[in-house]
Amino acid sequence: MFQMICLKILRFYQKFLSPLKPAACRYYPSCSEYALWQFQKKNFFLAFFSTFFRVLRCNPFFKGGFDYPRVSKNFYPINLCFKPIFLAKKQLCFLYIPYKNKSFYLIKIIFKRTNQ
């Protein structure tokens, strides 16, 4: 429940408040996008504290740069085939780049679909 509230607040901020101010985030992805990913992939408390410390680091005293969220994930072998969604305008893909034991960097990629 708290996660859904935070996600709605973040989406409201990204859609209505963020366009009103200049782009000043020192990191990629932006702090609001980082928070959105954290709340989508982690439990509320871990996401809150990760986001809180990220926002504290986003100031002129830190260098900035690339700071992808780190998430833990257990991968299980599955033998399922899924049909692609042909009507979607964009395809979303999350990449899990290994960081440490069962810990990964999370990278989001959005592809535009082409009509074939």
N, C-alpha and C. Protein backbone atom coordinates (compact mmCIF):
# COMPACT_ATOMS: atom_id res chain seq x y z
N MET A 1 0.82 -1.19 0.00
CA MET A 1 0.00 0.00 0.00
C MET A 1 0.87 1.25 0.00
N PHE A 2 1.88 1.28 0.89
CA PHE A 2 2.77 2.44 0.92
C PHE A 2 3.56 2.56 -0.38
N GLN A 3 3.92 1.41 -0.95
CA GLN A 3 4.65 1.44 -2.21
C GLN A 3 3.80 2.06 -3.31
N MET A 4 2.54 1.69 -3.37
CA MET A 4 1.65 2.23 -4.41
C MET A 4 1.49 3.74 -4.24
N ILE A 5 1.38 4.20 -3.00
CA ILE A 5 1.26 5.64 -2.75
C ILE A 5 2.52 6.35 -3.20
N CYS A 6 3.68 5.80 -2.85
CA CYS A 6 4.95 6.42 -3.26
C CYS A 6 5.10 6.42 -4.77
N LEU A 7 4.70 5.34 -5.43
CA LEU A 7 4.79 5.29 -6.89
C LEU A 7 3.88 6.34 -7.53
N LYS A 8 2.69 6.53 -6.99
CA LYS A 8 1.78 7.54 -7.54
C LYS A 8 2.33 8.95 -7.32
N ILE A 9 2.91 9.19 -6.14
CA ILE A 9 3.52 10.50 -5.87
C ILE A 9 4.69 10.75 -6.82
N LEU A 10 5.52 9.74 -7.03
CA LEU A 10 6.67 9.89 -7.94
C LEU A 10 6.22 10.16 -9.37
N ARG A 11 5.21 9.43 -9.82
CA ARG A 11 4.71 9.66 -11.19
C ARG A 11 4.08 11.05 -11.32
N PHE A 12 3.38 11.50 -10.28
CA PHE A 12 2.82 12.86 -10.29
C PHE A 12 3.95 13.88 -10.39
N TYR A 13 4.99 13.69 -9.59
CA TYR A 13 6.14 14.60 -9.61
C TYR A 13 6.78 14.62 -11.00
N GLN A 14 7.01 13.44 -11.59
CA GLN A 14 7.65 13.38 -12.90
C GLN A 14 6.80 14.02 -13.98
N LYS A 15 5.50 13.87 -13.89
CA LYS A 15 4.63 14.37 -14.95
C LYS A 15 4.32 15.86 -14.83
N PHE A 16 4.11 16.35 -13.60
CA PHE A 16 3.62 17.71 -13.43
C PHE A 16 4.63 18.69 -12.82
N LEU A 17 5.47 18.25 -11.90
CA LEU A 17 6.37 19.18 -11.21
C LEU A 17 7.76 19.24 -11.84
N SER A 18 8.29 18.10 -12.23
CA SER A 18 9.64 18.05 -12.79
C SER A 18 9.80 18.89 -14.06
N PRO A 19 8.82 18.93 -14.98
CA PRO A 19 8.99 19.77 -16.17
C PRO A 19 9.07 21.27 -15.87
N LEU A 20 8.63 21.69 -14.68
CA LEU A 20 8.63 23.10 -14.33
C LEU A 20 9.99 23.59 -13.85
N LYS A 21 10.90 22.68 -13.51
CA LYS A 21 12.21 23.08 -13.02
C LYS A 21 13.31 22.60 -13.97
N PRO A 22 14.45 23.26 -13.94
CA PRO A 22 15.54 22.85 -14.84
C PRO A 22 16.11 21.48 -14.43
N ALA A 23 16.65 20.79 -15.40
CA ALA A 23 17.27 19.48 -15.13
C ALA A 23 18.57 19.72 -14.36
N ALA A 24 18.60 19.32 -13.09
CA ALA A 24 19.75 19.60 -12.26
C ALA A 24 20.31 18.37 -11.56
N CYS A 25 19.76 17.21 -11.84
CA CYS A 25 20.24 16.00 -11.17
C CYS A 25 21.65 15.68 -11.66
N ARG A 26 22.53 15.35 -10.73
CA ARG A 26 23.92 15.09 -11.05
C ARG A 26 24.17 13.63 -11.45
N TYR A 27 23.14 12.82 -11.36
CA TYR A 27 23.29 11.40 -11.64
C TYR A 27 22.40 10.97 -12.79
N TYR A 28 22.77 9.84 -13.38
CA TYR A 28 21.89 9.17 -14.34
C TYR A 28 21.65 7.77 -13.83
N PRO A 29 20.46 7.31 -13.74
CA PRO A 29 19.18 7.96 -14.02
C PRO A 29 18.87 9.03 -12.98
N SER A 30 17.94 9.90 -13.30
CA SER A 30 17.60 10.99 -12.39
C SER A 30 17.11 10.43 -11.06
N CYS A 31 17.11 11.26 -10.04
CA CYS A 31 16.73 10.80 -8.70
C CYS A 31 15.30 10.28 -8.67
N SER A 32 14.40 10.92 -9.39
CA SER A 32 13.01 10.45 -9.38
C SER A 32 12.88 9.12 -10.13
N GLU A 33 13.62 8.95 -11.20
CA GLU A 33 13.58 7.67 -11.93
C GLU A 33 14.22 6.56 -11.09
N TYR A 34 15.31 6.89 -10.41
CA TYR A 34 15.97 5.95 -9.50
C TYR A 34 14.99 5.50 -8.42
N ALA A 35 14.28 6.45 -7.83
CA ALA A 35 13.30 6.13 -6.79
C ALA A 35 12.18 5.26 -7.34
N LEU A 36 11.73 5.56 -8.54
CA LEU A 36 10.67 4.78 -9.16
C LEU A 36 11.11 3.32 -9.34
N TRP A 37 12.31 3.12 -9.82
CA TRP A 37 12.84 1.76 -10.00
C TRP A 37 12.96 1.04 -8.66
N GLN A 38 13.46 1.78 -7.64
CA GLN A 38 13.62 1.17 -6.32
C GLN A 38 12.29 0.70 -5.76
N PHE A 39 11.27 1.55 -5.85
CA PHE A 39 9.96 1.18 -5.30
C PHE A 39 9.29 0.09 -6.12
N GLN A 40 9.66 -0.06 -7.38
CA GLN A 40 9.11 -1.15 -8.19
C GLN A 40 9.77 -2.48 -7.87
N LYS A 41 11.04 -2.47 -7.49
CA LYS A 41 11.81 -3.71 -7.36
C LYS A 41 12.15 -4.12 -5.92
N LYS A 42 12.03 -3.22 -4.95
CA LYS A 42 12.39 -3.53 -3.57
C LYS A 42 11.20 -3.32 -2.65
N ASN A 43 11.34 -3.78 -1.40
CA ASN A 43 10.27 -3.51 -0.45
C ASN A 43 10.32 -2.04 -0.03
N PHE A 44 9.29 -1.58 0.64
CA PHE A 44 9.12 -0.15 0.93
C PHE A 44 10.30 0.44 1.69
N PHE A 45 10.73 -0.21 2.77
CA PHE A 45 11.77 0.37 3.62
C PHE A 45 13.13 0.42 2.91
N LEU A 46 13.51 -0.63 2.23
CA LEU A 46 14.77 -0.61 1.49
C LEU A 46 14.74 0.44 0.38
N ALA A 47 13.62 0.53 -0.31
CA ALA A 47 13.49 1.52 -1.39
C ALA A 47 13.53 2.93 -0.82
N PHE A 48 12.87 3.15 0.30
CA PHE A 48 12.85 4.48 0.91
C PHE A 48 14.25 4.92 1.32
N PHE A 49 14.99 4.05 2.01
CA PHE A 49 16.33 4.43 2.46
C PHE A 49 17.31 4.56 1.30
N SER A 50 17.21 3.71 0.30
CA SER A 50 18.07 3.85 -0.88
C SER A 50 17.82 5.18 -1.58
N THR A 51 16.55 5.53 -1.72
CA THR A 51 16.19 6.79 -2.36
C THR A 51 16.63 7.98 -1.52
N PHE A 52 16.44 7.88 -0.21
CA PHE A 52 16.82 8.96 0.71
C PHE A 52 18.31 9.26 0.60
N PHE A 53 19.14 8.21 0.63
CA PHE A 53 20.59 8.43 0.54
C PHE A 53 21.01 8.88 -0.85
N ARG A 54 20.30 8.47 -1.86
CA ARG A 54 20.60 8.95 -3.22
C ARG A 54 20.34 10.45 -3.33
N VAL A 55 19.21 10.90 -2.79
CA VAL A 55 18.88 12.33 -2.84
C VAL A 55 19.89 13.13 -2.03
N LEU A 56 20.37 12.60 -0.92
CA LEU A 56 21.40 13.29 -0.14
C LEU A 56 22.71 13.42 -0.92
N ARG A 57 23.04 12.43 -1.75
CA ARG A 57 24.26 12.48 -2.56
C ARG A 57 24.14 13.42 -3.75
N CYS A 58 22.95 13.79 -4.12
CA CYS A 58 22.74 14.62 -5.31
C CYS A 58 22.92 16.09 -4.95
N ASN A 59 24.15 16.51 -4.78
CA ASN A 59 24.47 17.89 -4.46
C ASN A 59 25.83 18.24 -5.07
N PRO A 60 26.21 19.51 -5.05
CA PRO A 60 27.46 19.92 -5.71
C PRO A 60 28.73 19.33 -5.10
N PHE A 61 28.67 18.77 -3.89
CA PHE A 61 29.87 18.22 -3.26
C PHE A 61 30.20 16.81 -3.75
N PHE A 62 29.29 16.18 -4.48
CA PHE A 62 29.53 14.85 -5.04
C PHE A 62 29.70 14.98 -6.54
N LYS A 63 30.51 14.09 -7.10
CA LYS A 63 30.84 14.17 -8.52
C LYS A 63 29.65 13.86 -9.43
N GLY A 64 28.80 12.93 -9.02
CA GLY A 64 27.68 12.53 -9.88
C GLY A 64 28.12 11.43 -10.82
N GLY A 65 27.37 11.25 -11.89
CA GLY A 65 27.69 10.23 -12.88
C GLY A 65 26.62 9.17 -12.97
N PHE A 66 27.02 7.96 -13.32
CA PHE A 66 26.08 6.85 -13.44
C PHE A 66 25.91 6.19 -12.07
N ASP A 67 24.68 6.05 -11.64
CA ASP A 67 24.39 5.40 -10.36
C ASP A 67 23.12 4.58 -10.53
N TYR A 68 23.27 3.39 -11.09
CA TYR A 68 22.11 2.54 -11.31
C TYR A 68 21.70 1.88 -10.01
N PRO A 69 20.41 1.62 -9.84
CA PRO A 69 19.97 0.92 -8.62
C PRO A 69 20.53 -0.49 -8.56
N ARG A 70 20.83 -0.95 -7.36
CA ARG A 70 21.27 -2.33 -7.17
C ARG A 70 20.11 -3.10 -6.55
N VAL A 71 19.79 -4.22 -7.11
CA VAL A 71 18.70 -5.05 -6.60
C VAL A 71 19.19 -6.48 -6.44
N SER A 72 18.55 -7.20 -5.55
CA SER A 72 18.84 -8.62 -5.37
C SER A 72 17.77 -9.42 -6.08
N LYS A 73 18.19 -10.47 -6.74
CA LYS A 73 17.23 -11.27 -7.49
C LYS A 73 17.73 -12.70 -7.56
N ASN A 74 16.83 -13.64 -7.34
CA ASN A 74 17.14 -15.05 -7.54
C ASN A 74 16.63 -15.46 -8.91
N PHE A 75 17.50 -16.01 -9.72
CA PHE A 75 17.11 -16.47 -11.04
C PHE A 75 16.87 -17.97 -11.01
N TYR A 76 15.75 -18.37 -11.54
CA TYR A 76 15.40 -19.78 -11.62
C TYR A 76 15.25 -20.16 -13.07
N PRO A 77 15.74 -21.33 -13.46
CA PRO A 77 15.55 -21.76 -14.85
C PRO A 77 14.08 -22.09 -15.10
N ILE A 78 13.54 -21.55 -16.17
CA ILE A 78 12.15 -21.84 -16.53
C ILE A 78 12.10 -22.24 -17.99
N ASN A 79 11.13 -23.01 -18.33
CA ASN A 79 10.96 -23.46 -19.70
C ASN A 79 9.61 -23.00 -20.23
N LEU A 80 9.39 -21.72 -20.21
CA LEU A 80 8.14 -21.16 -20.68
C LEU A 80 8.41 -20.26 -21.87
N CYS A 81 7.52 -20.26 -22.81
CA CYS A 81 7.61 -19.36 -23.95
C CYS A 81 6.45 -18.37 -23.86
N PHE A 82 6.75 -17.13 -24.02
CA PHE A 82 5.72 -16.10 -23.98
C PHE A 82 5.59 -15.46 -25.35
N LYS A 83 4.38 -15.20 -25.73
CA LYS A 83 4.16 -14.52 -27.00
C LYS A 83 4.41 -13.03 -26.81
N PRO A 84 5.08 -12.38 -27.73
CA PRO A 84 5.30 -10.94 -27.60
C PRO A 84 3.99 -10.18 -27.78
N ILE A 85 3.93 -9.03 -27.17
CA ILE A 85 2.75 -8.18 -27.31
C ILE A 85 2.94 -7.33 -28.55
N PHE A 86 2.18 -7.61 -29.60
CA PHE A 86 2.38 -6.93 -30.87
C PHE A 86 1.73 -5.55 -30.91
N LEU A 87 0.76 -5.31 -30.06
CA LEU A 87 0.05 -4.03 -30.11
C LEU A 87 0.74 -2.94 -29.29
N ALA A 88 1.71 -3.30 -28.48
CA ALA A 88 2.40 -2.30 -27.66
C ALA A 88 3.24 -1.39 -28.55
N LYS A 89 3.22 -0.09 -28.23
CA LYS A 89 4.02 0.86 -29.00
C LYS A 89 5.48 0.83 -28.58
N LYS A 90 5.73 0.48 -27.31
CA LYS A 90 7.10 0.41 -26.81
C LYS A 90 7.29 -0.91 -26.08
N GLN A 91 8.50 -1.41 -26.14
CA GLN A 91 8.85 -2.64 -25.44
C GLN A 91 9.79 -2.27 -24.30
N LEU A 92 9.50 -2.76 -23.11
CA LEU A 92 10.29 -2.46 -21.93
C LEU A 92 11.14 -3.67 -21.58
N CYS A 93 12.39 -3.42 -21.26
CA CYS A 93 13.31 -4.51 -20.92
C CYS A 93 14.16 -4.07 -19.74
N PHE A 94 14.27 -4.92 -18.72
CA PHE A 94 15.16 -4.66 -17.60
C PHE A 94 16.39 -5.55 -17.76
N LEU A 95 17.56 -4.96 -17.67
CA LEU A 95 18.80 -5.74 -17.70
C LEU A 95 19.34 -5.83 -16.28
N TYR A 96 19.77 -7.02 -15.90
CA TYR A 96 20.38 -7.23 -14.60
C TYR A 96 21.87 -7.47 -14.83
N ILE A 97 22.70 -6.49 -14.48
CA ILE A 97 24.15 -6.59 -14.64
C ILE A 97 24.74 -7.07 -13.31
N PRO A 98 25.47 -8.19 -13.28
CA PRO A 98 25.99 -8.71 -12.01
C PRO A 98 26.87 -7.69 -11.29
N TYR A 99 26.65 -7.57 -9.98
CA TYR A 99 27.43 -6.67 -9.13
C TYR A 99 28.19 -7.47 -8.08
N LYS A 100 27.48 -8.17 -7.22
CA LYS A 100 28.07 -9.06 -6.22
C LYS A 100 27.19 -10.30 -6.14
N ASN A 101 27.43 -11.13 -5.17
CA ASN A 101 26.67 -12.36 -5.02
C ASN A 101 25.17 -12.07 -4.89
N LYS A 102 24.39 -12.47 -5.89
CA LYS A 102 22.94 -12.26 -5.96
C LYS A 102 22.54 -10.79 -5.88
N SER A 103 23.42 -9.91 -6.27
CA SER A 103 23.14 -8.48 -6.31
C SER A 103 23.46 -7.99 -7.72
N PHE A 104 22.58 -7.16 -8.27
CA PHE A 104 22.70 -6.75 -9.66
C PHE A 104 22.44 -5.27 -9.81
N TYR A 105 23.06 -4.65 -10.82
CA TYR A 105 22.67 -3.32 -11.25
C TYR A 105 21.44 -3.48 -12.12
N LEU A 106 20.49 -2.59 -11.95
CA LEU A 106 19.26 -2.64 -12.73
C LEU A 106 19.29 -1.55 -13.78
N ILE A 107 19.17 -1.92 -15.06
CA ILE A 107 19.18 -0.97 -16.16
C ILE A 107 17.91 -1.18 -16.97
N LYS A 108 17.19 -0.09 -17.20
CA LYS A 108 15.93 -0.16 -17.94
C LYS A 108 16.15 0.33 -19.36
N ILE A 109 15.65 -0.43 -20.34
CA ILE A 109 15.77 -0.07 -21.75
C ILE A 109 14.37 -0.07 -22.35
N ILE A 110 14.06 0.99 -23.08
CA ILE A 110 12.77 1.08 -23.76
C ILE A 110 13.03 1.10 -25.25
N PHE A 111 12.47 0.14 -25.97
CA PHE A 111 12.60 0.05 -27.41
C PHE A 111 11.32 0.55 -28.05
N LYS A 112 11.45 1.29 -29.13
CA LYS A 112 10.27 1.64 -29.92
C LYS A 112 10.02 0.51 -30.90
N ARG A 113 8.79 0.13 -31.02
CA ARG A 113 8.44 -0.94 -31.96
C ARG A 113 8.34 -0.35 -33.36
N THR A 114 8.81 -1.10 -34.32
CA THR A 114 8.70 -0.68 -35.72
C THR A 114 7.66 -1.54 -36.40
N ASN A 115 6.89 -0.94 -37.27
CA ASN A 115 5.90 -1.70 -38.03
C ASN A 115 6.59 -2.46 -39.15
N GLN A 116 6.34 -3.74 -39.20
CA GLN A 116 7.01 -4.55 -40.22
C GLN A 116 6.00 -5.09 -41.19
